[in-house]
Amino acid sequence: MKKIPLFRLAEIMDFWSGANQGDYYPSDIEELLSEVQEYDFTDVKDNLITSLKSFMDYEKKLELQNK
């Protein structure tokens, strides 16, 4: 199994939000289901925390450079 990229997880959640509102086709759901089954979601929390910390560090570096 491969780890799910955070951007893809966000896209899937956006799709699911639309699907709950009736904005979907059954074939889209079937395609998404087969894709989601290929992913390993066990490290999502750790990946998200690492990504957020990296972004905060990047923002701090930019702020220091602009002073």
PDB file of N, CA and C in Angstrom:
ATOM      1  N   MET A   1       0.841  -1.193   0.000  1.00  0.00           N
ATOM      2  CA  MET A   1       0.000   0.000   0.000  1.00  0.00           C
ATOM      3  C   MET A   1       0.875   1.241   0.000  1.00  0.00           C
ATOM      4  N   LYS A   2       0.395   2.255  -0.657  1.00  0.00           N
ATOM      5  CA  LYS A   2       1.134   3.513  -0.704  1.00  0.00           C
ATOM      6  C   LYS A   2       0.485   4.534   0.219  1.00  0.00           C
ATOM      7  N   LYS A   3       1.314   5.439   0.723  1.00  0.00           N
ATOM      8  CA  LYS A   3       0.803   6.503   1.587  1.00  0.00           C
ATOM      9  C   LYS A   3       0.024   7.499   0.735  1.00  0.00           C
ATOM     10  N   ILE A   4      -1.035   8.019   1.296  1.00  0.00           N
ATOM     11  CA  ILE A   4      -1.847   8.982   0.557  1.00  0.00           C
ATOM     12  C   ILE A   4      -1.243  10.372   0.707  1.00  0.00           C
ATOM     13  N   PRO A   5      -1.019  11.062  -0.413  1.00  0.00           N
ATOM     14  CA  PRO A   5      -0.541  12.445  -0.326  1.00  0.00           C
ATOM     15  C   PRO A   5      -1.639  13.326   0.284  1.00  0.00           C
ATOM     16  N   LEU A   6      -1.232  14.284   1.082  1.00  0.00           N
ATOM     17  CA  LEU A   6      -2.216  15.133   1.767  1.00  0.00           C
ATOM     18  C   LEU A   6      -3.099  15.897   0.787  1.00  0.00           C
ATOM     19  N   PHE A   7      -2.524  16.336  -0.346  1.00  0.00           N
ATOM     20  CA  PHE A   7      -3.350  17.068  -1.313  1.00  0.00           C
ATOM     21  C   PHE A   7      -4.438  16.161  -1.883  1.00  0.00           C
ATOM     22  N   ARG A   8      -4.124  14.872  -2.057  1.00  0.00           N
ATOM     23  CA  ARG A   8      -5.125  13.945  -2.596  1.00  0.00           C
ATOM     24  C   ARG A   8      -6.195  13.656  -1.555  1.00  0.00           C
ATOM     25  N   LEU A   9      -5.794  13.565  -0.306  1.00  0.00           N
ATOM     26  CA  LEU A   9      -6.769  13.375   0.766  1.00  0.00           C
ATOM     27  C   LEU A   9      -7.747  14.548   0.794  1.00  0.00           C
ATOM     28  N   ALA A  10      -7.236  15.761   0.626  1.00  0.00           N
ATOM     29  CA  ALA A  10      -8.102  16.947   0.596  1.00  0.00           C
ATOM     30  C   ALA A  10      -9.069  16.880  -0.586  1.00  0.00           C
ATOM     31  N   GLU A  11      -8.570  16.451  -1.741  1.00  0.00           N
ATOM     32  CA  GLU A  11      -9.437  16.328  -2.918  1.00  0.00           C
ATOM     33  C   GLU A  11     -10.533  15.287  -2.690  1.00  0.00           C
ATOM     34  N   ILE A  12     -10.159  14.182  -2.075  1.00  0.00           N
ATOM     35  CA  ILE A  12     -11.139  13.128  -1.795  1.00  0.00           C
ATOM     36  C   ILE A  12     -12.199  13.632  -0.822  1.00  0.00           C
ATOM     37  N   MET A  13     -11.782  14.362   0.202  1.00  0.00           N
ATOM     38  CA  MET A  13     -12.745  14.888   1.170  1.00  0.00           C
ATOM     39  C   MET A  13     -13.669  15.920   0.520  1.00  0.00           C
ATOM     40  N   ASP A  14     -13.128  16.750  -0.369  1.00  0.00           N
ATOM     41  CA  ASP A  14     -13.968  17.702  -1.105  1.00  0.00           C
ATOM     42  C   ASP A  14     -14.983  16.964  -1.967  1.00  0.00           C
ATOM     43  N   PHE A  15     -14.516  15.917  -2.640  1.00  0.00           N
ATOM     44  CA  PHE A  15     -15.415  15.119  -3.471  1.00  0.00           C
ATOM     45  C   PHE A  15     -16.515  14.510  -2.615  1.00  0.00           C
ATOM     46  N   TRP A  16     -16.125  13.953  -1.468  1.00  0.00           N
ATOM     47  CA  TRP A  16     -17.101  13.306  -0.603  1.00  0.00           C
ATOM     48  C   TRP A  16     -18.128  14.307  -0.088  1.00  0.00           C
ATOM     49  N   SER A  17     -17.693  15.513   0.198  1.00  0.00           N
ATOM     50  CA  SER A  17     -18.623  16.554   0.631  1.00  0.00           C
ATOM     51  C   SER A  17     -19.650  16.830  -0.465  1.00  0.00           C
ATOM     52  N   GLY A  18     -19.189  16.910  -1.695  1.00  0.00           N
ATOM     53  CA  GLY A  18     -20.102  17.106  -2.822  1.00  0.00           C
ATOM     54  C   GLY A  18     -21.012  15.912  -3.030  1.00  0.00           C
ATOM     55  N   ALA A  19     -20.466  14.712  -2.833  1.00  0.00           N
ATOM     56  CA  ALA A  19     -21.258  13.493  -3.005  1.00  0.00           C
ATOM     57  C   ALA A  19     -22.388  13.442  -1.989  1.00  0.00           C
ATOM     58  N   ASN A  20     -22.126  13.908  -0.780  1.00  0.00           N
ATOM     59  CA  ASN A  20     -23.166  13.927   0.250  1.00  0.00           C
ATOM     60  C   ASN A  20     -24.283  14.896  -0.095  1.00  0.00           C
ATOM     61  N   GLN A  21     -23.991  15.840  -0.978  1.00  0.00           N
ATOM     62  CA  GLN A  21     -25.002  16.808  -1.397  1.00  0.00           C
ATOM     63  C   GLN A  21     -25.671  16.384  -2.702  1.00  0.00           C
ATOM     64  N   GLY A  22     -25.314  15.202  -3.202  1.00  0.00           N
ATOM     65  CA  GLY A  22     -25.934  14.690  -4.420  1.00  0.00           C
ATOM     66  C   GLY A  22     -25.229  15.093  -5.693  1.00  0.00           C
ATOM     67  N   ASP A  23     -24.070  15.735  -5.598  1.00  0.00           N
ATOM     68  CA  ASP A  23     -23.325  16.187  -6.774  1.00  0.00           C
ATOM     69  C   ASP A  23     -22.313  15.131  -7.212  1.00  0.00           C
ATOM     70  N   TYR A  24     -22.775  13.982  -7.656  1.00  0.00           N
ATOM     71  CA  TYR A  24     -21.863  12.919  -8.056  1.00  0.00           C
ATOM     72  C   TYR A  24     -22.568  11.967  -9.014  1.00  0.00           C
ATOM     73  N   TYR A  25     -21.757  11.151  -9.644  1.00  0.00           N
ATOM     74  CA  TYR A  25     -22.257  10.064 -10.473  1.00  0.00           C
ATOM     75  C   TYR A  25     -21.799   8.759  -9.824  1.00  0.00           C
ATOM     76  N   PRO A  26     -22.611   7.714  -9.846  1.00  0.00           N
ATOM     77  CA  PRO A  26     -22.202   6.447  -9.240  1.00  0.00           C
ATOM     78  C   PRO A  26     -20.858   5.933  -9.762  1.00  0.00           C
ATOM     79  N   SER A  27     -20.568   6.166 -11.028  1.00  0.00           N
ATOM     80  CA  SER A  27     -19.286   5.706 -11.576  1.00  0.00           C
ATOM     81  C   SER A  27     -18.115   6.432 -10.918  1.00  0.00           C
ATOM     82  N   ASP A  28     -18.316   7.701 -10.548  1.00  0.00           N
ATOM     83  CA  ASP A  28     -17.271   8.453  -9.844  1.00  0.00           C
ATOM     84  C   ASP A  28     -16.995   7.843  -8.475  1.00  0.00           C
ATOM     85  N   ILE A  29     -18.046   7.446  -7.789  1.00  0.00           N
ATOM     86  CA  ILE A  29     -17.902   6.829  -6.467  1.00  0.00           C
ATOM     87  C   ILE A  29     -17.150   5.506  -6.589  1.00  0.00           C
ATOM     88  N   GLU A  30     -17.496   4.711  -7.592  1.00  0.00           N
ATOM     89  CA  GLU A  30     -16.822   3.422  -7.781  1.00  0.00           C
ATOM     90  C   GLU A  30     -15.342   3.616  -8.075  1.00  0.00           C
ATOM     91  N   GLU A  31     -15.019   4.597  -8.902  1.00  0.00           N
ATOM     92  CA  GLU A  31     -13.623   4.885  -9.231  1.00  0.00           C
ATOM     93  C   GLU A  31     -12.859   5.345  -7.989  1.00  0.00           C
ATOM     94  N   LEU A  32     -13.462   6.218  -7.220  1.00  0.00           N
ATOM     95  CA  LEU A  32     -12.828   6.717  -6.001  1.00  0.00           C
ATOM     96  C   LEU A  32     -12.633   5.591  -4.988  1.00  0.00           C
ATOM     97  N   LEU A  33     -13.606   4.725  -4.863  1.00  0.00           N
ATOM     98  CA  LEU A  33     -13.503   3.602  -3.936  1.00  0.00           C
ATOM     99  C   LEU A  33     -12.310   2.715  -4.274  1.00  0.00           C
ATOM    100  N   SER A  34     -12.131   2.414  -5.546  1.00  0.00           N
ATOM    101  CA  SER A  34     -11.000   1.560  -5.927  1.00  0.00           C
ATOM    102  C   SER A  34      -9.672   2.263  -5.663  1.00  0.00           C
ATOM    103  N   GLU A  35      -9.628   3.592  -5.847  1.00  0.00           N
ATOM    104  CA  GLU A  35      -8.399   4.338  -5.568  1.00  0.00           C
ATOM    105  C   GLU A  35      -8.104   4.371  -4.069  1.00  0.00           C
ATOM    106  N   VAL A  36      -9.107   4.656  -3.267  1.00  0.00           N
ATOM    107  CA  VAL A  36      -8.926   4.784  -1.820  1.00  0.00           C
ATOM    108  C   VAL A  36      -8.446   3.465  -1.211  1.00  0.00           C
ATOM    109  N   GLN A  37      -8.885   2.360  -1.751  1.00  0.00           N
ATOM    110  CA  GLN A  37      -8.484   1.059  -1.221  1.00  0.00           C
ATOM    111  C   GLN A  37      -6.996   0.790  -1.420  1.00  0.00           C
ATOM    112  N   GLU A  38      -6.347   1.530  -2.312  1.00  0.00           N
ATOM    113  CA  GLU A  38      -4.918   1.358  -2.565  1.00  0.00           C
ATOM    114  C   GLU A  38      -4.052   2.106  -1.550  1.00  0.00           C
ATOM    115  N   TYR A  39      -4.643   3.027  -0.803  1.00  0.00           N
ATOM    116  CA  TYR A  39      -3.869   3.884   0.087  1.00  0.00           C
ATOM    117  C   TYR A  39      -3.796   3.344   1.507  1.00  0.00           C
ATOM    118  N   ASP A  40      -2.693   3.688   2.156  1.00  0.00           N
ATOM    119  CA  ASP A  40      -2.485   3.409   3.571  1.00  0.00           C
ATOM    120  C   ASP A  40      -2.701   4.731   4.314  1.00  0.00           C
ATOM    121  N   PHE A  41      -3.671   4.768   5.191  1.00  0.00           N
ATOM    122  CA  PHE A  41      -4.024   5.996   5.896  1.00  0.00           C
ATOM    123  C   PHE A  41      -3.434   6.067   7.302  1.00  0.00           C
ATOM    124  N   THR A  42      -2.605   5.115   7.686  1.00  0.00           N
ATOM    125  CA  THR A  42      -2.157   5.037   9.076  1.00  0.00           C
ATOM    126  C   THR A  42      -1.307   6.214   9.513  1.00  0.00           C
ATOM    127  N   ASP A  43      -0.568   6.831   8.613  1.00  0.00           N
ATOM    128  CA  ASP A  43       0.335   7.920   8.988  1.00  0.00           C
ATOM    129  C   ASP A  43      -0.192   9.309   8.622  1.00  0.00           C
ATOM    130  N   VAL A  44      -1.473   9.418   8.337  1.00  0.00           N
ATOM    131  CA  VAL A  44      -2.026  10.702   7.897  1.00  0.00           C
ATOM    132  C   VAL A  44      -1.811  11.783   8.949  1.00  0.00           C
ATOM    133  N   LYS A  45      -2.068  11.474  10.198  1.00  0.00           N
ATOM    134  CA  LYS A  45      -1.916  12.469  11.268  1.00  0.00           C
ATOM    135  C   LYS A  45      -0.472  12.949  11.344  1.00  0.00           C
ATOM    136  N   ASP A  46       0.473  12.018  11.356  1.00  0.00           N
ATOM    137  CA  ASP A  46       1.886  12.392  11.432  1.00  0.00           C
ATOM    138  C   ASP A  46       2.313  13.208  10.216  1.00  0.00           C
ATOM    139  N   ASN A  47       1.847  12.807   9.037  1.00  0.00           N
ATOM    140  CA  ASN A  47       2.188  13.547   7.820  1.00  0.00           C
ATOM    141  C   ASN A  47       1.620  14.963   7.852  1.00  0.00           C
ATOM    142  N   LEU A  48       0.409  15.102   8.352  1.00  0.00           N
ATOM    143  CA  LEU A  48      -0.213  16.418   8.441  1.00  0.00           C
ATOM    144  C   LEU A  48       0.529  17.308   9.433  1.00  0.00           C
ATOM    145  N   ILE A  49       0.878  16.772  10.578  1.00  0.00           N
ATOM    146  CA  ILE A  49       1.618  17.546  11.583  1.00  0.00           C
ATOM    147  C   ILE A  49       2.964  17.988  11.026  1.00  0.00           C
ATOM    148  N   THR A  50       3.681  17.079  10.379  1.00  0.00           N
ATOM    149  CA  THR A  50       4.979  17.406   9.784  1.00  0.00           C
ATOM    150  C   THR A  50       4.836  18.486   8.722  1.00  0.00           C
ATOM    151  N   SER A  51       3.826  18.361   7.891  1.00  0.00           N
ATOM    152  CA  SER A  51       3.598  19.340   6.833  1.00  0.00           C
ATOM    153  C   SER A  51       3.278  20.718   7.410  1.00  0.00           C
ATOM    154  N   LEU A  52       2.435  20.760   8.425  1.00  0.00           N
ATOM    155  CA  LEU A  52       2.079  22.039   9.045  1.00  0.00           C
ATOM    156  C   LEU A  52       3.284  22.692   9.716  1.00  0.00           C
ATOM    157  N   LYS A  53       4.094  21.892  10.395  1.00  0.00           N
ATOM    158  CA  LYS A  53       5.295  22.433  11.036  1.00  0.00           C
ATOM    159  C   LYS A  53       6.273  22.960   9.994  1.00  0.00           C
ATOM    160  N   SER A  54       6.436  22.244   8.897  1.00  0.00           N
ATOM    161  CA  SER A  54       7.323  22.692   7.820  1.00  0.00           C
ATOM    162  C   SER A  54       6.831  24.010   7.232  1.00  0.00           C
ATOM    163  N   PHE A  55       5.530  24.123   7.060  1.00  0.00           N
ATOM    164  CA  PHE A  55       4.964  25.359   6.522  1.00  0.00           C
ATOM    165  C   PHE A  55       5.200  26.522   7.482  1.00  0.00           C
ATOM    166  N   MET A  56       5.024  26.278   8.780  1.00  0.00           N
ATOM    167  CA  MET A  56       5.253  27.333   9.771  1.00  0.00           C
ATOM    168  C   MET A  56       6.715  27.767   9.763  1.00  0.00           C
ATOM    169  N   ASP A  57       7.640  26.808   9.671  1.00  0.00           N
ATOM    170  CA  ASP A  57       9.068  27.135   9.598  1.00  0.00           C
ATOM    171  C   ASP A  57       9.372  27.957   8.353  1.00  0.00           C
ATOM    172  N   TYR A  58       8.782  27.576   7.245  1.00  0.00           N
ATOM    173  CA  TYR A  58       8.974  28.298   5.985  1.00  0.00           C
ATOM    174  C   TYR A  58       8.475  29.739   6.109  1.00  0.00           C
ATOM    175  N   GLU A  59       7.313  29.908   6.695  1.00  0.00           N
ATOM    176  CA  GLU A  59       6.749  31.247   6.880  1.00  0.00           C
ATOM    177  C   GLU A  59       7.647  32.102   7.774  1.00  0.00           C
ATOM    178  N   LYS A  60       8.186  31.514   8.829  1.00  0.00           N
ATOM    179  CA  LYS A  60       9.083  32.252   9.726  1.00  0.00           C
ATOM    180  C   LYS A  60      10.343  32.687   8.986  1.00  0.00           C
ATOM    181  N   LYS A  61      10.900  31.806   8.161  1.00  0.00           N
ATOM    182  CA  LYS A  61      12.098  32.139   7.390  1.00  0.00           C
ATOM    183  C   LYS A  61      11.816  33.273   6.412  1.00  0.00           C
ATOM    184  N   LEU A  62      10.668  33.231   5.763  1.00  0.00           N
ATOM    185  CA  LEU A  62      10.298  34.313   4.846  1.00  0.00           C
ATOM    186  C   LEU A  62      10.156  35.632   5.584  1.00  0.00           C
ATOM    187  N   GLU A  63       9.543  35.574   6.752  1.00  0.00           N
ATOM    188  CA  GLU A  63       9.352  36.781   7.553  1.00  0.00           C
ATOM    189  C   GLU A  63      10.695  37.382   7.951  1.00  0.00           C
ATOM    190  N   LEU A  64      11.633  36.542   8.352  1.00  0.00           N
ATOM    191  CA  LEU A  64      12.966  37.021   8.731  1.00  0.00           C
ATOM    192  C   LEU A  64      13.714  37.604   7.532  1.00  0.00           C
ATOM    193  N   GLN A  65      13.547  37.016   6.376  1.00  0.00           N
ATOM    194  CA  GLN A  65      14.208  37.514   5.172  1.00  0.00           C
ATOM    195  C   GLN A  65      13.662  38.871   4.750  1.00  0.00           C
ATOM    196  N   ASN A  66      12.395  39.105   5.015  1.00  0.00           N
ATOM    197  CA  ASN A  66      11.753  40.351   4.597  1.00  0.00           C
ATOM    198  C   ASN A  66      11.990  41.501   5.571  1.00  0.00           C
ATOM    199  N   LYS A  67      12.664  41.243   6.674  1.00  0.00           N
ATOM    200  CA  LYS A  67      12.929  42.310   7.654  1.00  0.00           C
ATOM    201  C   LYS A  67      14.170  43.065   7.284  1.00  0.00           C
TER     202      LYS A  67
END
